[in-house]
PDB file of N, CA and C in Angstrom:
ATOM      1  N   MET A   1      42.949   1.557  48.786  1.00  0.00           N
ATOM      2  CA  MET A   1      42.943   1.989  47.419  1.00  0.00           C
ATOM      3  C   MET A   1      42.408   0.892  46.503  1.00  0.00           C
ATOM      4  N   SER A   2      42.783  -0.328  46.758  1.00  0.00           N
ATOM      5  CA  SER A   2      42.300  -1.411  45.916  1.00  0.00           C
ATOM      6  C   SER A   2      40.796  -1.639  46.116  1.00  0.00           C
ATOM      7  N   GLU A   3      40.308  -1.287  47.340  1.00  0.00           N
ATOM      8  CA  GLU A   3      38.870  -1.398  47.585  1.00  0.00           C
ATOM      9  C   GLU A   3      38.107  -0.399  46.733  1.00  0.00           C
ATOM     10  N   ASP A   4      38.650   0.817  46.596  1.00  0.00           N
ATOM     11  CA  ASP A   4      38.015   1.831  45.751  1.00  0.00           C
ATOM     12  C   ASP A   4      37.994   1.391  44.289  1.00  0.00           C
ATOM     13  N   LEU A   5      39.088   0.790  43.860  1.00  0.00           N
ATOM     14  CA  LEU A   5      39.137   0.302  42.480  1.00  0.00           C
ATOM     15  C   LEU A   5      38.122  -0.823  42.266  1.00  0.00           C
ATOM     16  N   GLN A   6      37.979  -1.694  43.242  1.00  0.00           N
ATOM     17  CA  GLN A   6      37.023  -2.809  43.136  1.00  0.00           C
ATOM     18  C   GLN A   6      35.594  -2.271  43.086  1.00  0.00           C
ATOM     19  N   LYS A   7      35.279  -1.248  43.908  1.00  0.00           N
ATOM     20  CA  LYS A   7      33.950  -0.632  43.904  1.00  0.00           C
ATOM     21  C   LYS A   7      33.679   0.026  42.550  1.00  0.00           C
ATOM     22  N   ASP A   8      34.651   0.770  42.054  1.00  0.00           N
ATOM     23  CA  ASP A   8      34.497   1.417  40.744  1.00  0.00           C
ATOM     24  C   ASP A   8      34.300   0.378  39.638  1.00  0.00           C
ATOM     25  N   PHE A   9      35.066  -0.703  39.725  1.00  0.00           N
ATOM     26  CA  PHE A   9      34.949  -1.776  38.750  1.00  0.00           C
ATOM     27  C   PHE A   9      33.547  -2.395  38.792  1.00  0.00           C
ATOM     28  N   ASN A  10      33.052  -2.658  40.006  1.00  0.00           N
ATOM     29  CA  ASN A  10      31.719  -3.259  40.164  1.00  0.00           C
ATOM     30  C   ASN A  10      30.622  -2.329  39.631  1.00  0.00           C
ATOM     31  N   LEU A  11      30.734  -1.038  39.948  1.00  0.00           N
ATOM     32  CA  LEU A  11      29.748  -0.059  39.461  1.00  0.00           C
ATOM     33  C   LEU A  11      29.779   0.030  37.929  1.00  0.00           C
ATOM     34  N   ALA A  12      30.976   0.104  37.388  1.00  0.00           N
ATOM     35  CA  ALA A  12      31.107   0.187  35.932  1.00  0.00           C
ATOM     36  C   ALA A  12      30.562  -1.084  35.274  1.00  0.00           C
ATOM     37  N   ASN A  13      30.801  -2.221  35.874  1.00  0.00           N
ATOM     38  CA  ASN A  13      30.317  -3.492  35.343  1.00  0.00           C
ATOM     39  C   ASN A  13      28.780  -3.540  35.371  1.00  0.00           C
ATOM     40  N   GLU A  14      28.173  -3.062  36.478  1.00  0.00           N
ATOM     41  CA  GLU A  14      26.709  -3.007  36.577  1.00  0.00           C
ATOM     42  C   GLU A  14      26.120  -2.073  35.520  1.00  0.00           C
ATOM     43  N   GLU A  15      26.758  -0.909  35.341  1.00  0.00           N
ATOM     44  CA  GLU A  15      26.294   0.036  34.318  1.00  0.00           C
ATOM     45  C   GLU A  15      26.369  -0.587  32.924  1.00  0.00           C
ATOM     46  N   LEU A  16      27.459  -1.312  32.705  1.00  0.00           N
ATOM     47  CA  LEU A  16      27.631  -1.981  31.416  1.00  0.00           C
ATOM     48  C   LEU A  16      26.529  -3.011  31.193  1.00  0.00           C
ATOM     49  N   GLN A  17      26.212  -3.798  32.205  1.00  0.00           N
ATOM     50  CA  GLN A  17      25.161  -4.811  32.098  1.00  0.00           C
ATOM     51  C   GLN A  17      23.804  -4.166  31.837  1.00  0.00           C
ATOM     52  N   LYS A  18      23.510  -3.070  32.553  1.00  0.00           N
ATOM     53  CA  LYS A  18      22.248  -2.357  32.338  1.00  0.00           C
ATOM     54  C   LYS A  18      22.162  -1.807  30.915  1.00  0.00           C
ATOM     55  N   ALA A  19      23.252  -1.211  30.458  1.00  0.00           N
ATOM     56  CA  ALA A  19      23.271  -0.651  29.111  1.00  0.00           C
ATOM     57  C   ALA A  19      23.091  -1.736  28.057  1.00  0.00           C
ATOM     58  N   MET A  20      23.715  -2.887  28.267  1.00  0.00           N
ATOM     59  CA  MET A  20      23.574  -3.997  27.316  1.00  0.00           C
ATOM     60  C   MET A  20      22.146  -4.540  27.303  1.00  0.00           C
ATOM     61  N   THR A  21      21.543  -4.638  28.480  1.00  0.00           N
ATOM     62  CA  THR A  21      20.152  -5.097  28.570  1.00  0.00           C
ATOM     63  C   THR A  21      19.218  -4.119  27.869  1.00  0.00           C
ATOM     64  N   GLU A  22      19.461  -2.827  28.107  1.00  0.00           N
ATOM     65  CA  GLU A  22      18.646  -1.792  27.461  1.00  0.00           C
ATOM     66  C   GLU A  22      18.820  -1.843  25.946  1.00  0.00           C
ATOM     67  N   LEU A  23      20.032  -2.035  25.498  1.00  0.00           N
ATOM     68  CA  LEU A  23      20.316  -2.124  24.060  1.00  0.00           C
ATOM     69  C   LEU A  23      19.603  -3.318  23.432  1.00  0.00           C
ATOM     70  N   LYS A  24      19.604  -4.460  24.124  1.00  0.00           N
ATOM     71  CA  LYS A  24      18.901  -5.639  23.612  1.00  0.00           C
ATOM     72  C   LYS A  24      17.401  -5.357  23.475  1.00  0.00           C
ATOM     73  N   GLY A  25      16.838  -4.679  24.471  1.00  0.00           N
ATOM     74  CA  GLY A  25      15.419  -4.310  24.408  1.00  0.00           C
ATOM     75  C   GLY A  25      15.134  -3.386  23.242  1.00  0.00           C
ATOM     76  N   LEU A  26      16.014  -2.405  23.060  1.00  0.00           N
ATOM     77  CA  LEU A  26      15.839  -1.471  21.947  1.00  0.00           C
ATOM     78  C   LEU A  26      15.994  -2.177  20.602  1.00  0.00           C
ATOM     79  N   GLU A  27      16.911  -3.135  20.549  1.00  0.00           N
ATOM     80  CA  GLU A  27      17.112  -3.889  19.312  1.00  0.00           C
ATOM     81  C   GLU A  27      15.872  -4.717  18.975  1.00  0.00           C
ATOM     82  N   GLU A  28      15.263  -5.331  19.997  1.00  0.00           N
ATOM     83  CA  GLU A  28      14.034  -6.095  19.780  1.00  0.00           C
ATOM     84  C   GLU A  28      12.917  -5.173  19.308  1.00  0.00           C
ATOM     85  N   LEU A  29      12.808  -4.014  19.916  1.00  0.00           N
ATOM     86  CA  LEU A  29      11.800  -3.038  19.512  1.00  0.00           C
ATOM     87  C   LEU A  29      12.037  -2.588  18.080  1.00  0.00           C
ATOM     88  N   ARG A  30      13.293  -2.360  17.732  1.00  0.00           N
ATOM     89  CA  ARG A  30      13.642  -1.960  16.367  1.00  0.00           C
ATOM     90  C   ARG A  30      13.227  -3.037  15.372  1.00  0.00           C
ATOM     91  N   ASN A  31      13.535  -4.298  15.698  1.00  0.00           N
ATOM     92  CA  ASN A  31      13.167  -5.394  14.812  1.00  0.00           C
ATOM     93  C   ASN A  31      11.652  -5.503  14.642  1.00  0.00           C
ATOM     94  N   GLN A  32      10.912  -5.268  15.721  1.00  0.00           N
ATOM     95  CA  GLN A  32       9.453  -5.273  15.636  1.00  0.00           C
ATOM     96  C   GLN A  32       8.961  -4.158  14.717  1.00  0.00           C
ATOM     97  N   LYS A  33       9.556  -2.984  14.850  1.00  0.00           N
ATOM     98  CA  LYS A  33       9.159  -1.854  14.015  1.00  0.00           C
ATOM     99  C   LYS A  33       9.491  -2.095  12.543  1.00  0.00           C
ATOM    100  N   VAL A  34      10.647  -2.692  12.293  1.00  0.00           N
ATOM    101  CA  VAL A  34      11.025  -3.011  10.913  1.00  0.00           C
ATOM    102  C   VAL A  34      10.019  -3.985  10.315  1.00  0.00           C
ATOM    103  N   SER A  35       9.636  -5.008  11.075  1.00  0.00           N
ATOM    104  CA  SER A  35       8.639  -5.969  10.603  1.00  0.00           C
ATOM    105  C   SER A  35       7.306  -5.281  10.348  1.00  0.00           C
ATOM    106  N   GLN A  36       6.928  -4.396  11.251  1.00  0.00           N
ATOM    107  CA  GLN A  36       5.672  -3.663  11.100  1.00  0.00           C
ATOM    108  C   GLN A  36       5.704  -2.797   9.845  1.00  0.00           C
ATOM    109  N   ILE A  37       6.834  -2.160   9.588  1.00  0.00           N
ATOM    110  CA  ILE A  37       6.969  -1.313   8.404  1.00  0.00           C
ATOM    111  C   ILE A  37       6.846  -2.154   7.136  1.00  0.00           C
ATOM    112  N   TYR A  38       7.505  -3.322   7.106  1.00  0.00           N
ATOM    113  CA  TYR A  38       7.399  -4.195   5.938  1.00  0.00           C
ATOM    114  C   TYR A  38       5.957  -4.646   5.713  1.00  0.00           C
ATOM    115  N   GLU A  39       5.273  -4.982   6.787  1.00  0.00           N
ATOM    116  CA  GLU A  39       3.885  -5.433   6.689  1.00  0.00           C
ATOM    117  C   GLU A  39       2.985  -4.321   6.152  1.00  0.00           C
ATOM    118  N   ILE A  40       3.125  -3.136   6.709  1.00  0.00           N
ATOM    119  CA  ILE A  40       2.303  -2.006   6.268  1.00  0.00           C
ATOM    120  C   ILE A  40       2.651  -1.634   4.829  1.00  0.00           C
ATOM    121  N   ASN A  41       3.918  -1.685   4.490  1.00  0.00           N
ATOM    122  CA  ASN A  41       4.342  -1.381   3.128  1.00  0.00           C
ATOM    123  C   ASN A  41       3.701  -2.361   2.138  1.00  0.00           C
ATOM    124  N   GLY A  42       3.644  -3.640   2.509  1.00  0.00           N
ATOM    125  CA  GLY A  42       2.994  -4.630   1.658  1.00  0.00           C
ATOM    126  C   GLY A  42       1.522  -4.324   1.467  1.00  0.00           C
ATOM    127  N   LYS A  43       0.840  -3.931   2.541  1.00  0.00           N
ATOM    128  CA  LYS A  43      -0.575  -3.559   2.452  1.00  0.00           C
ATOM    129  C   LYS A  43      -0.763  -2.363   1.528  1.00  0.00           C
ATOM    130  N   VAL A  44       0.111  -1.374   1.676  1.00  0.00           N
ATOM    131  CA  VAL A  44       0.014  -0.166   0.853  1.00  0.00           C
ATOM    132  C   VAL A  44       0.187  -0.518  -0.627  1.00  0.00           C
ATOM    133  N   LYS A  45       1.163  -1.362  -0.927  1.00  0.00           N
ATOM    134  CA  LYS A  45       1.375  -1.762  -2.322  1.00  0.00           C
ATOM    135  C   LYS A  45       0.163  -2.505  -2.876  1.00  0.00           C
ATOM    136  N   TYR A  46      -0.396  -3.398  -2.074  1.00  0.00           N
ATOM    137  CA  TYR A  46      -1.570  -4.156  -2.504  1.00  0.00           C
ATOM    138  C   TYR A  46      -2.748  -3.220  -2.763  1.00  0.00           C
ATOM    139  N   LEU A  47      -3.018  -2.329  -1.813  1.00  0.00           N
ATOM    140  CA  LEU A  47      -4.148  -1.412  -1.957  1.00  0.00           C
ATOM    141  C   LEU A  47      -3.933  -0.446  -3.115  1.00  0.00           C
ATOM    142  N   ARG A  48      -2.690  -0.006  -3.309  1.00  0.00           N
ATOM    143  CA  ARG A  48      -2.388   0.878  -4.433  1.00  0.00           C
ATOM    144  C   ARG A  48      -2.690   0.166  -5.755  1.00  0.00           C
ATOM    145  N   SER A  49      -2.324  -1.104  -5.854  1.00  0.00           N
ATOM    146  CA  SER A  49      -2.589  -1.846  -7.091  1.00  0.00           C
ATOM    147  C   SER A  49      -4.086  -2.003  -7.303  1.00  0.00           C
ATOM    148  N   LYS A  50      -4.837  -2.220  -6.225  1.00  0.00           N
ATOM    149  CA  LYS A  50      -6.297  -2.337  -6.345  1.00  0.00           C
ATOM    150  C   LYS A  50      -6.915  -1.012  -6.778  1.00  0.00           C
ATOM    151  N   LEU A  51      -6.423   0.097  -6.231  1.00  0.00           N
ATOM    152  CA  LEU A  51      -6.931   1.409  -6.633  1.00  0.00           C
ATOM    153  C   LEU A  51      -6.647   1.660  -8.105  1.00  0.00           C
ATOM    154  N   ASN A  52      -5.463   1.300  -8.561  1.00  0.00           N
ATOM    155  CA  ASN A  52      -5.117   1.492  -9.961  1.00  0.00           C
ATOM    156  C   ASN A  52      -5.997   0.633 -10.854  1.00  0.00           C
ATOM    157  N   GLU A  53      -6.286  -0.611 -10.445  1.00  0.00           N
ATOM    158  CA  GLU A  53      -7.165  -1.484 -11.219  1.00  0.00           C
ATOM    159  C   GLU A  53      -8.554  -0.876 -11.331  1.00  0.00           C
ATOM    160  N   GLU A  54      -9.078  -0.357 -10.223  1.00  0.00           N
ATOM    161  CA  GLU A  54     -10.415   0.233 -10.228  1.00  0.00           C
ATOM    162  C   GLU A  54     -10.463   1.459 -11.120  1.00  0.00           C
ATOM    163  N   SER A  55      -9.445   2.307 -11.053  1.00  0.00           N
ATOM    164  CA  SER A  55      -9.463   3.511 -11.875  1.00  0.00           C
ATOM    165  C   SER A  55      -9.353   3.146 -13.351  1.00  0.00           C
ATOM    166  N   VAL A  56      -8.580   2.110 -13.662  1.00  0.00           N
ATOM    167  CA  VAL A  56      -8.474   1.658 -15.046  1.00  0.00           C
ATOM    168  C   VAL A  56      -9.813   1.094 -15.508  1.00  0.00           C
ATOM    169  N   LYS A  57     -10.487   0.304 -14.652  1.00  0.00           N
ATOM    170  CA  LYS A  57     -11.795  -0.251 -15.000  1.00  0.00           C
ATOM    171  C   LYS A  57     -12.805   0.866 -15.215  1.00  0.00           C
ATOM    172  N   GLU A  58     -12.807   1.851 -14.316  1.00  0.00           N
ATOM    173  CA  GLU A  58     -13.748   2.963 -14.443  1.00  0.00           C
ATOM    174  C   GLU A  58     -13.504   3.736 -15.732  1.00  0.00           C
ATOM    175  N   GLU A  59     -12.247   3.966 -16.067  1.00  0.00           N
ATOM    176  CA  GLU A  59     -11.936   4.664 -17.302  1.00  0.00           C
ATOM    177  C   GLU A  59     -12.394   3.854 -18.506  1.00  0.00           C
ATOM    178  N   GLY A  60     -12.199   2.540 -18.451  1.00  0.00           N
ATOM    179  CA  GLY A  60     -12.631   1.667 -19.536  1.00  0.00           C
ATOM    180  C   GLY A  60     -14.139   1.698 -19.704  1.00  0.00           C
ATOM    181  N   ILE A  61     -14.868   1.686 -18.598  1.00  0.00           N
ATOM    182  CA  ILE A  61     -16.331   1.740 -18.645  1.00  0.00           C
ATOM    183  C   ILE A  61     -16.784   3.073 -19.218  1.00  0.00           C
ATOM    184  N   LYS A  62     -16.160   4.169 -18.795  1.00  0.00           N
ATOM    185  CA  LYS A  62     -16.523   5.487 -19.331  1.00  0.00           C
ATOM    186  C   LYS A  62     -16.260   5.557 -20.820  1.00  0.00           C
ATOM    187  N   GLU A  63     -15.112   5.033 -21.255  1.00  0.00           N
ATOM    188  CA  GLU A  63     -14.783   5.064 -22.673  1.00  0.00           C
ATOM    189  C   GLU A  63     -15.773   4.234 -23.475  1.00  0.00           C
ATOM    190  N   LYS A  64     -16.157   3.067 -22.967  1.00  0.00           N
ATOM    191  CA  LYS A  64     -17.118   2.219 -23.663  1.00  0.00           C
ATOM    192  C   LYS A  64     -18.464   2.912 -23.782  1.00  0.00           C
ATOM    193  N   SER A  65     -18.913   3.540 -22.702  1.00  0.00           N
ATOM    194  CA  SER A  65     -20.217   4.210 -22.746  1.00  0.00           C
ATOM    195  C   SER A  65     -20.171   5.414 -23.683  1.00  0.00           C
ATOM    196  N   GLU A  66     -19.048   6.121 -23.722  1.00  0.00           N
ATOM    197  CA  GLU A  66     -18.918   7.250 -24.643  1.00  0.00           C
ATOM    198  C   GLU A  66     -18.933   6.768 -26.088  1.00  0.00           C
ATOM    199  N   LYS A  67     -18.228   5.665 -26.365  1.00  0.00           N
ATOM    200  CA  LYS A  67     -18.213   5.111 -27.715  1.00  0.00           C
ATOM    201  C   LYS A  67     -19.602   4.625 -28.107  1.00  0.00           C
ATOM    202  N   LYS A  68     -20.310   4.016 -27.168  1.00  0.00           N
ATOM    203  CA  LYS A  68     -21.653   3.525 -27.441  1.00  0.00           C
ATOM    204  C   LYS A  68     -22.574   4.687 -27.783  1.00  0.00           C
ATOM    205  N   GLU A  69     -22.466   5.783 -27.027  1.00  0.00           N
ATOM    206  CA  GLU A  69     -23.283   6.958 -27.304  1.00  0.00           C
ATOM    207  C   GLU A  69     -22.965   7.528 -28.677  1.00  0.00           C
ATOM    208  N   GLU A  70     -21.686   7.572 -29.026  1.00  0.00           N
ATOM    209  CA  GLU A  70     -21.299   8.076 -30.343  1.00  0.00           C
ATOM    210  C   GLU A  70     -21.855   7.182 -31.440  1.00  0.00           C
ATOM    211  N   ASN A  71     -21.779   5.874 -31.264  1.00  0.00           N
ATOM    212  CA  ASN A  71     -22.310   4.941 -32.252  1.00  0.00           C
ATOM    213  C   ASN A  71     -23.814   5.066 -32.376  1.00  0.00           C
ATOM    214  N   GLN A  72     -24.497   5.289 -31.273  1.00  0.00           N
ATOM    215  CA  GLN A  72     -25.943   5.439 -31.322  1.00  0.00           C
ATOM    216  C   GLN A  72     -26.327   6.708 -32.066  1.00  0.00           C
ATOM    217  N   LYS A  73     -25.542   7.746 -31.925  1.00  0.00           N
ATOM    218  CA  LYS A  73     -25.827   8.976 -32.652  1.00  0.00           C
ATOM    219  C   LYS A  73     -25.701   8.754 -34.154  1.00  0.00           C
ATOM    220  N   ASP A  74     -24.713   7.975 -34.551  1.00  0.00           N
ATOM    221  CA  ASP A  74     -24.469   7.739 -35.972  1.00  0.00           C
ATOM    222  C   ASP A  74     -25.503   6.816 -36.595  1.00  0.00           C
ATOM    223  N   PHE A  75     -26.094   5.920 -35.832  1.00  0.00           N
ATOM    224  CA  PHE A  75     -26.962   4.891 -36.396  1.00  0.00           C
ATOM    225  C   PHE A  75     -28.380   4.954 -35.837  1.00  0.00           C
ATOM    226  N   LYS A  76     -28.934   6.115 -35.733  1.00  0.00           N
ATOM    227  CA  LYS A  76     -30.303   6.224 -35.251  1.00  0.00           C
ATOM    228  C   LYS A  76     -31.259   5.788 -36.358  1.00  0.00           C
ATOM    229  N   ARG A  77     -32.309   5.103 -35.951  1.00  0.00           N
ATOM    230  CA  ARG A  77     -33.317   4.673 -36.918  1.00  0.00           C
ATOM    231  C   ARG A  77     -34.271   5.815 -37.213  1.00  0.00           C
ATOM    232  N   VAL A  78     -34.681   5.874 -38.456  1.00  0.00           N
ATOM    233  CA  VAL A  78     -35.680   6.882 -38.825  1.00  0.00           C
ATOM    234  C   VAL A  78     -37.040   6.236 -39.003  1.00  0.00           C
ATOM    235  N   ALA A  79     -37.047   4.955 -39.351  1.00  0.00           N
ATOM    236  CA  ALA A  79     -38.310   4.235 -39.498  1.00  0.00           C
ATOM    237  C   ALA A  79     -38.123   2.832 -38.960  1.00  0.00           C
ATOM    238  N   GLU A  80     -39.240   2.262 -38.507  1.00  0.00           N
ATOM    239  CA  GLU A  80     -39.156   0.914 -37.964  1.00  0.00           C
ATOM    240  C   GLU A  80     -38.850  -0.097 -39.065  1.00  0.00           C
ATOM    241  N   TYR A  81     -39.513   0.074 -40.235  1.00  0.00           N
ATOM    242  CA  TYR A  81     -39.280  -0.803 -41.377  1.00  0.00           C
ATOM    243  C   TYR A  81     -38.913   0.059 -42.576  1.00  0.00           C
ATOM    244  N   PRO A  82     -38.094  -0.443 -43.450  1.00  0.00           N
ATOM    245  CA  PRO A  82     -37.800   0.355 -44.646  1.00  0.00           C
ATOM    246  C   PRO A  82     -39.055   0.495 -45.498  1.00  0.00           C
ATOM    247  N   PRO A  83     -39.153   1.581 -46.197  1.00  0.00           N
ATOM    248  CA  PRO A  83     -40.371   1.770 -47.018  1.00  0.00           C
ATOM    249  C   PRO A  83     -40.436   0.713 -48.138  1.00  0.00           C
ATOM    250  N   ASP A  84     -41.687   0.353 -48.511  1.00  0.00           N
ATOM    251  CA  ASP A  84     -41.898  -0.618 -49.596  1.00  0.00           C
ATOM    252  C   ASP A  84     -41.445  -0.032 -50.903  1.00  0.00           C
ATOM    253  N   LYS A  85     -40.897  -0.908 -51.734  1.00  0.00           N
ATOM    254  CA  LYS A  85     -40.494  -0.447 -53.056  1.00  0.00           C
ATOM    255  C   LYS A  85     -41.722  -0.367 -53.944  1.00  0.00           C
ATOM    256  N   GLU A  86     -41.782   0.650 -54.715  1.00  0.00           N
ATOM    257  CA  GLU A  86     -42.902   0.771 -55.648  1.00  0.00           C
ATOM    258  C   GLU A  86     -42.549   0.018 -56.901  1.00  0.00           C
ATOM    259  N   GLU A  87     -43.392  -0.889 -57.265  1.00  0.00           N
ATOM    260  CA  GLU A  87     -43.117  -1.671 -58.469  1.00  0.00           C
ATOM    261  C   GLU A  87     -43.955  -1.260 -59.614  1.00  0.00           C
TER     262      GLU A  87
END
């Protein structure tokens, strides 16, 4: 009977060791994934800020060109030189 208990104990101990080893591997994998997520998240934030900068620049350029066109409409020349005054 004590031999059966010793065998059961040894089997349970081996299973425990395997499970602990597997858990350590999974924990390392989890830590790698967490690091990967942080890295990708940083890239996404950086690229998002660059996209926002570009869209703001493009909007600014469009607004400037629209204002320039409006100003040109208001100040078109009719003659190269003003007419001479008659004295």
